[in-house]
N, C-alpha and C. Protein backbone atom coordinates (compact mmCIF):
# COMPACT_ATOMS: atom_id res chain seq x y z
N LEU A 1 -16.48 -2.61 -2.66
CA LEU A 1 -16.02 -3.75 -3.28
C LEU A 1 -16.31 -3.64 -4.95
N ARG A 2 -17.36 -3.13 -4.95
CA ARG A 2 -18.27 -3.22 -6.22
C ARG A 2 -16.91 -2.02 -6.95
N GLU A 3 -16.46 -1.13 -6.42
CA GLU A 3 -15.49 -0.44 -7.15
C GLU A 3 -14.20 -1.18 -7.53
N LEU A 4 -14.10 -2.61 -6.81
CA LEU A 4 -12.75 -3.24 -7.32
C LEU A 4 -13.22 -4.27 -8.75
N SER A 5 -14.26 -4.53 -9.07
CA SER A 5 -15.15 -5.49 -9.63
C SER A 5 -14.66 -4.93 -11.41
N GLY A 6 -14.11 -3.92 -11.50
CA GLY A 6 -13.69 -3.69 -13.21
C GLY A 6 -12.19 -3.82 -13.31
N LEU A 7 -11.60 -3.98 -11.88
CA LEU A 7 -9.98 -4.89 -11.96
C LEU A 7 -10.11 -6.28 -12.94
N GLY A 8 -11.16 -7.53 -12.61
CA GLY A 8 -10.81 -8.64 -12.80
C GLY A 8 -10.03 -9.28 -12.04
N GLY A 9 -10.14 -10.49 -12.14
CA GLY A 9 -9.69 -11.37 -10.89
C GLY A 9 -9.29 -10.66 -9.21
N VAL A 10 -10.76 -10.41 -8.97
CA VAL A 10 -10.40 -9.38 -7.69
C VAL A 10 -10.64 -10.84 -7.04
N SER A 11 -9.89 -11.07 -5.81
CA SER A 11 -10.80 -12.37 -4.80
C SER A 11 -10.49 -11.76 -3.48
N LEU A 12 -11.65 -11.91 -2.10
CA LEU A 12 -11.74 -11.72 -1.14
C LEU A 12 -12.11 -12.43 -0.13
N ALA A 13 -10.89 -12.31 1.40
CA ALA A 13 -10.63 -13.25 1.93
C ALA A 13 -10.46 -12.99 3.32
N ARG A 14 -10.26 -13.81 4.15
CA ARG A 14 -10.47 -13.18 5.58
C ARG A 14 -9.11 -13.25 5.98
N MET A 15 -8.28 -12.52 6.47
CA MET A 15 -6.76 -12.23 6.32
C MET A 15 -6.74 -12.88 7.61
N LYS A 16 -5.56 -14.13 8.05
CA LYS A 16 -4.97 -14.58 9.62
C LYS A 16 -4.11 -13.63 10.38
N GLU A 17 -3.62 -12.73 8.99
CA GLU A 17 -2.26 -12.01 9.80
C GLU A 17 -2.97 -10.60 10.33
N HIS A 18 -4.56 -10.62 10.62
CA HIS A 18 -4.98 -9.39 10.35
C HIS A 18 -6.51 -10.33 11.50
N PRO A 19 -6.70 -10.47 12.04
CA PRO A 19 -7.72 -10.84 13.07
C PRO A 19 -9.31 -10.00 12.99
N GLY A 20 -10.14 -10.30 12.87
CA GLY A 20 -11.41 -9.29 12.26
C GLY A 20 -11.32 -8.88 11.23
N GLY A 21 -10.03 -8.88 10.55
CA GLY A 21 -10.17 -8.02 8.94
C GLY A 21 -10.86 -8.82 7.64
N PHE A 22 -10.44 -8.30 6.80
CA PHE A 22 -10.74 -8.71 5.37
C PHE A 22 -9.44 -8.36 4.72
N GLY A 23 -9.35 -9.23 3.63
CA GLY A 23 -7.66 -8.99 2.30
C GLY A 23 -8.57 -9.11 0.94
N VAL A 24 -8.57 -8.22 -0.15
CA VAL A 24 -8.95 -7.94 -1.52
C VAL A 24 -7.59 -8.29 -2.16
N SER A 25 -7.70 -8.86 -2.86
CA SER A 25 -6.54 -8.94 -3.92
C SER A 25 -6.50 -8.96 -5.39
N PHE A 26 -5.93 -8.53 -6.14
CA PHE A 26 -5.87 -8.28 -8.04
C PHE A 26 -4.98 -7.76 -8.42
N PHE A 27 -4.96 -7.41 -9.48
CA PHE A 27 -3.63 -7.45 -10.41
C PHE A 27 -3.90 -6.14 -10.53
N LEU A 28 -3.04 -4.86 -10.96
CA LEU A 28 -2.78 -3.32 -10.94
C LEU A 28 -1.70 -3.77 -11.99
N GLU A 29 -1.67 -2.65 -13.03
CA GLU A 29 -0.39 -2.32 -14.15
C GLU A 29 -0.54 -0.93 -14.19
N PRO A 30 0.25 -0.38 -13.29
CA PRO A 30 0.27 1.25 -13.12
C PRO A 30 0.57 1.59 -15.06
N THR A 31 1.17 2.82 -15.16
CA THR A 31 1.74 3.28 -16.31
C THR A 31 3.42 3.09 -16.14
N GLY A 32 3.98 2.45 -16.95
CA GLY A 32 5.61 2.25 -16.33
C GLY A 32 6.00 1.23 -15.58
N VAL A 33 5.05 0.53 -15.34
CA VAL A 33 5.20 -0.15 -13.87
C VAL A 33 4.33 -1.49 -14.77
N PRO A 34 5.62 -2.82 -14.50
CA PRO A 34 5.03 -4.18 -14.70
C PRO A 34 3.92 -4.52 -13.87
N ARG A 35 3.04 -5.46 -14.52
CA ARG A 35 1.96 -6.13 -13.62
C ARG A 35 2.08 -6.17 -12.17
N ARG A 36 1.52 -5.93 -11.59
CA ARG A 36 1.64 -6.38 -10.36
C ARG A 36 0.65 -7.08 -9.83
N PHE A 37 0.84 -7.93 -8.48
CA PHE A 37 -0.03 -8.89 -7.96
C PHE A 37 -0.23 -7.86 -6.49
N VAL A 38 -1.65 -7.44 -6.38
CA VAL A 38 -1.94 -6.81 -4.94
C VAL A 38 -2.48 -7.21 -4.20
N THR A 39 -1.93 -7.45 -2.77
CA THR A 39 -3.18 -7.67 -1.63
C THR A 39 -3.68 -6.55 -0.52
N ILE A 40 -4.57 -6.36 -0.22
CA ILE A 40 -4.83 -5.40 0.60
C ILE A 40 -6.07 -5.76 1.96
N ALA A 41 -4.66 -5.86 3.58
CA ALA A 41 -5.36 -6.44 3.88
C ALA A 41 -5.67 -5.37 5.06
N PHE A 42 -7.26 -5.48 5.45
CA PHE A 42 -8.22 -4.13 6.18
C PHE A 42 -8.35 -4.55 7.50
N GLU A 43 -7.99 -4.13 8.33
CA GLU A 43 -7.66 -4.26 10.03
C GLU A 43 -8.60 -2.49 10.49
N ALA A 44 -9.59 -2.59 11.10
CA ALA A 44 -9.81 -1.60 11.45
C ALA A 44 -9.79 -0.85 10.94
N HIS A 45 -10.20 -0.69 9.61
CA HIS A 45 -10.47 0.54 8.57
C HIS A 45 -8.39 0.70 8.25
N VAL A 46 -7.62 -0.20 8.88
CA VAL A 46 -6.20 0.60 8.41
C VAL A 46 -6.36 -0.71 7.18
N PRO A 47 -5.74 0.03 5.82
CA PRO A 47 -4.75 -1.21 5.43
C PRO A 47 -3.87 -1.10 5.17
N TYR A 48 -3.63 -2.56 4.65
CA TYR A 48 -1.62 -2.82 4.44
C TYR A 48 -2.14 -3.67 3.12
N VAL A 49 -0.92 -2.64 2.66
CA VAL A 49 -1.29 -3.37 1.09
C VAL A 49 0.34 -3.80 0.84
N HIS A 50 0.42 -5.12 -0.05
CA HIS A 50 1.52 -6.09 -0.22
C HIS A 50 1.56 -6.17 -1.58
N VAL A 51 2.66 -5.87 -2.41
CA VAL A 51 2.56 -6.22 -3.94
C VAL A 51 3.70 -6.88 -3.98
N ASP A 52 3.06 -8.06 -5.32
CA ASP A 52 4.30 -8.84 -5.46
C ASP A 52 5.80 -8.01 -6.34
N GLY A 53 7.01 -8.39 -6.48
CA GLY A 53 7.52 -7.42 -7.53
C GLY A 53 9.06 -7.19 -6.69
N PRO A 54 9.47 -6.56 -7.05
CA PRO A 54 10.78 -5.74 -6.08
C PRO A 54 10.27 -5.21 -4.84
N MET A 55 11.24 -5.60 -3.76
CA MET A 55 10.94 -5.05 -2.50
C MET A 55 12.08 -3.92 -2.08
N ASP A 56 12.92 -3.58 -2.92
CA ASP A 56 13.36 -2.69 -2.57
C ASP A 56 12.86 -0.73 -2.63
N SER A 57 12.50 -0.45 -1.70
CA SER A 57 12.38 0.65 -1.58
C SER A 57 12.27 1.39 -0.58
N PRO A 58 12.65 3.02 -0.35
CA PRO A 58 12.60 3.50 0.89
C PRO A 58 11.08 4.04 1.59
N HIS A 59 10.33 3.39 1.34
CA HIS A 59 8.79 3.31 1.54
C HIS A 59 8.48 2.27 1.62
N ARG A 60 8.92 0.81 2.53
CA ARG A 60 8.11 0.40 2.66
C ARG A 60 8.63 -0.26 4.24
N TYR A 61 7.56 -1.13 4.99
CA TYR A 61 8.06 -1.31 6.04
C TYR A 61 8.70 -2.68 5.91
N SER A 62 8.73 -3.39 7.27
CA SER A 62 9.47 -4.33 7.89
C SER A 62 9.29 -5.95 7.00
N ASP A 63 7.60 -5.18 6.82
CA ASP A 63 7.18 -6.60 6.22
C ASP A 63 6.74 -6.30 4.79
N ASN A 64 7.00 -5.69 4.36
CA ASN A 64 7.18 -5.45 3.03
C ASN A 64 5.89 -4.32 2.81
N SER A 65 5.08 -4.18 3.37
CA SER A 65 3.85 -3.46 3.07
C SER A 65 3.97 -1.46 2.62
N LEU A 66 3.18 -1.62 1.48
CA LEU A 66 3.65 -0.01 1.02
C LEU A 66 3.69 0.93 2.26
N CYS A 67 4.49 1.63 2.28
CA CYS A 67 4.31 3.34 3.27
C CYS A 67 3.78 4.26 2.83
N MET A 68 2.69 4.48 2.56
CA MET A 68 2.01 5.37 1.34
C MET A 68 2.07 6.93 2.18
N TRP A 69 1.22 6.64 3.35
CA TRP A 69 1.54 7.66 3.77
C TRP A 69 2.00 7.75 5.53
N TYR A 70 2.00 8.50 6.10
CA TYR A 70 2.59 8.58 7.82
C TYR A 70 1.03 8.68 8.38
N PRO A 71 1.34 7.98 9.31
CA PRO A 71 -0.18 7.82 10.19
C PRO A 71 -0.46 8.86 11.08
N ASP A 72 0.23 9.80 10.90
CA ASP A 72 0.35 11.37 12.26
C ASP A 72 -0.44 12.51 10.63
N ASP A 73 0.24 12.27 9.81
CA ASP A 73 -0.12 12.96 8.64
C ASP A 73 -1.75 13.44 8.76
N PRO A 74 -1.96 14.49 8.40
CA PRO A 74 -3.26 15.24 8.55
C PRO A 74 -4.76 14.30 7.75
N ARG A 75 -5.79 14.36 8.04
CA ARG A 75 -6.66 13.17 7.10
C ARG A 75 -6.57 13.60 6.04
N GLU A 76 -6.71 14.88 4.82
CA GLU A 76 -6.66 15.02 4.19
C GLU A 76 -5.53 14.33 2.89
N GLN A 77 -4.55 14.05 3.81
CA GLN A 77 -3.04 13.10 3.34
C GLN A 77 -2.94 11.84 2.94
N ARG A 78 -3.83 11.23 4.07
CA ARG A 78 -4.50 9.57 4.22
C ARG A 78 -5.70 9.08 3.38
N TRP A 79 -5.51 8.04 3.18
CA TRP A 79 -6.99 7.54 2.60
C TRP A 79 -7.89 7.11 3.71
N MET A 80 -8.66 6.96 3.52
CA MET A 80 -9.74 7.28 4.78
C MET A 80 -10.97 5.99 4.09
N PRO A 81 -11.71 5.41 4.79
CA PRO A 81 -12.84 4.56 4.23
C PRO A 81 -13.82 5.24 3.45
N ALA A 82 -13.89 6.66 3.88
CA ALA A 82 -15.18 7.25 2.74
C ALA A 82 -14.88 7.73 1.54
N ASP A 83 -13.40 7.42 1.62
CA ASP A 83 -12.94 7.76 0.46
C ASP A 83 -12.54 6.88 -1.12
N GLY A 84 -13.15 5.72 -0.46
CA GLY A 84 -13.18 4.90 -1.39
C GLY A 84 -12.08 3.79 -2.29
N ALA A 85 -12.70 3.08 -2.66
CA ALA A 85 -11.63 1.65 -3.07
C ALA A 85 -11.13 2.79 -4.56
N GLY A 86 -11.70 3.37 -5.46
CA GLY A 86 -10.95 3.86 -6.30
C GLY A 86 -9.45 5.21 -6.22
N VAL A 87 -9.84 5.64 -5.02
CA VAL A 87 -9.09 6.34 -4.39
C VAL A 87 -7.42 5.65 -3.96
N LEU A 88 -8.18 4.63 -3.23
CA LEU A 88 -7.15 4.07 -2.50
C LEU A 88 -5.99 3.19 -4.19
N ILE A 89 -6.88 2.71 -4.30
CA ILE A 89 -6.28 1.67 -5.77
C ILE A 89 -4.64 3.00 -6.59
N ALA A 90 -5.98 4.36 -6.70
CA ALA A 90 -4.88 5.69 -7.22
C ALA A 90 -4.10 5.43 -6.35
N ASN A 91 -3.89 5.98 -5.21
CA ASN A 91 -2.67 5.89 -4.21
C ASN A 91 -1.70 4.72 -4.18
N ILE A 92 -2.07 3.67 -3.82
CA ILE A 92 -1.10 2.24 -4.41
C ILE A 92 -0.67 2.25 -5.96
N ALA A 93 -1.21 2.72 -6.96
CA ALA A 93 -0.74 2.57 -8.80
C ALA A 93 0.64 4.17 -8.41
N ALA A 94 0.37 5.02 -7.80
CA ALA A 94 1.16 6.31 -7.44
C ALA A 94 2.32 5.53 -6.80
N HIS A 95 2.08 5.08 -5.78
CA HIS A 95 3.29 4.58 -4.38
C HIS A 95 4.13 3.88 -6.01
N LEU A 96 3.18 2.91 -6.32
CA LEU A 96 4.19 2.04 -7.42
C LEU A 96 5.10 2.32 -8.59
N ILE A 97 4.35 3.62 -8.97
CA ILE A 97 5.32 4.30 -9.74
C ILE A 97 6.20 5.17 -9.14
N ARG A 98 6.18 5.73 -8.25
CA ARG A 98 7.81 6.37 -7.31
C ARG A 98 8.67 5.46 -7.27
N GLU A 99 8.17 4.37 -6.98
CA GLU A 99 8.98 3.35 -6.53
C GLU A 99 9.99 2.75 -7.50
N GLN A 100 9.22 2.56 -8.86
CA GLN A 100 10.06 2.59 -10.16
C GLN A 100 10.62 3.46 -10.23
N TRP A 101 10.49 4.63 -10.21
CA TRP A 101 11.27 6.21 -10.65
C TRP A 101 12.13 6.05 -10.15
N TRP A 102 12.68 5.31 -8.50
CA TRP A 102 13.59 5.57 -7.55
C TRP A 102 14.81 4.52 -7.96
N ARG A 103 14.18 3.33 -8.16
CA ARG A 103 14.86 2.23 -8.41
C ARG A 103 15.29 2.79 -9.87
N ALA A 104 15.28 3.01 -10.56
CA ALA A 104 15.66 4.09 -12.12
C ALA A 104 16.36 5.00 -11.80
N VAL A 105 16.22 5.83 -11.22
CA VAL A 105 16.72 7.22 -11.08
C VAL A 105 17.53 7.35 -9.60
N GLY A 106 16.47 7.29 -8.77
CA GLY A 106 17.14 7.27 -7.08
C GLY A 106 16.80 8.43 -6.48
N ASP A 107 15.65 9.29 -7.28
CA ASP A 107 14.90 10.01 -6.47
C ASP A 107 13.80 9.55 -6.15
N TRP A 108 13.12 10.30 -5.01
CA TRP A 108 11.53 9.97 -4.75
C TRP A 108 10.70 11.25 -5.19
N VAL A 109 9.68 10.98 -5.93
CA VAL A 109 9.18 12.26 -6.49
C VAL A 109 8.05 12.11 -6.15
N GLY A 110 8.13 13.00 -5.38
CA GLY A 110 5.96 13.16 -4.70
C GLY A 110 6.79 13.36 -3.24
N PRO A 111 5.57 13.61 -2.15
CA PRO A 111 5.80 14.21 -0.60
C PRO A 111 6.19 12.79 -0.40
N GLU A 112 6.67 13.09 0.86
CA GLU A 112 7.73 12.21 1.76
C GLU A 112 7.76 12.16 3.31
N VAL A 113 7.51 11.47 3.96
CA VAL A 113 8.30 11.98 5.69
C VAL A 113 9.92 11.05 5.17
N ARG A 114 10.56 11.50 5.54
CA ARG A 114 12.06 10.97 5.15
C ARG A 114 12.17 10.26 6.67
N HIS A 115 12.90 8.88 6.43
CA HIS A 115 12.72 8.34 8.09
C HIS A 115 13.90 7.34 7.40
N ALA A 116 14.35 6.42 8.22
CA ALA A 116 15.02 5.26 8.06
C ALA A 116 14.26 4.45 6.98
N ALA A 117 15.27 3.31 6.48
CA ALA A 117 14.69 2.09 5.49
C ALA A 117 13.37 1.41 6.31
N ARG A 118 13.69 1.39 7.62
CA ARG A 118 13.06 0.54 8.60
C ARG A 118 12.61 1.71 9.50
N ASP A 119 11.62 1.65 9.71
CA ASP A 119 10.98 2.63 10.67
C ASP A 119 10.26 2.21 12.06
N ALA A 120 11.15 1.72 13.11
CA ALA A 120 10.93 1.19 13.60
C ALA A 120 9.29 1.43 14.45
N LEU A 121 9.30 3.03 14.73
CA LEU A 121 7.95 3.51 15.76
C LEU A 121 7.25 3.39 14.73
N ASN A 122 6.81 3.13 13.81
CA ASN A 122 5.69 3.18 12.67
C ASN A 122 5.61 1.78 11.56
N ASP A 123 6.12 0.74 12.33
CA ASP A 123 6.04 -0.91 12.05
C ASP A 123 4.97 -1.68 11.96
N PRO A 124 4.19 -1.78 11.30
CA PRO A 124 3.23 -2.78 11.37
C PRO A 124 3.50 -3.79 12.06
N LYS A 125 4.35 -4.58 12.23
CA LYS A 125 5.21 -5.56 13.53
C LYS A 125 4.69 -5.19 14.84
N ARG A 126 5.47 -3.95 14.91
CA ARG A 126 5.48 -3.04 16.32
C ARG A 126 4.08 -2.60 16.93
N ARG A 127 3.53 -2.25 15.41
CA ARG A 127 2.00 -2.07 16.36
C ARG A 127 1.03 -3.10 16.58
N ALA A 128 1.24 -4.20 15.86
CA ALA A 128 0.33 -5.36 16.73
C ALA A 128 1.05 -6.20 17.48
N ALA A 129 2.01 -5.48 18.32
CA ALA A 129 2.54 -6.55 19.42
C ALA A 129 1.93 -5.47 20.65
């Protein structure tokens, strides 16, 4: 959490949606993307990232959390707690830039696993059930 102190406006809370976990919220303004309010809920070391603003994206789950990597990806392609907050924030920023580009141009820039707009097998709501 010390890594987040430079962002300003950082708050920490328990998350009722993720029992036993915690959440952190802050503002982020990646290059070319309007300032966004980011909430990360951690449950068992898994981050569930929600961002305000437009929700249309081919890489969001049904609860509108960001789909930044596929859970079955190799470890080096996913964020892990040992990577630190800075790497997670960089992943979030890159995802928001890709979404902004996709909304403007219609192409997803960067690696992706193509799946339906809502992937029932990889949906956080389904995993919680």
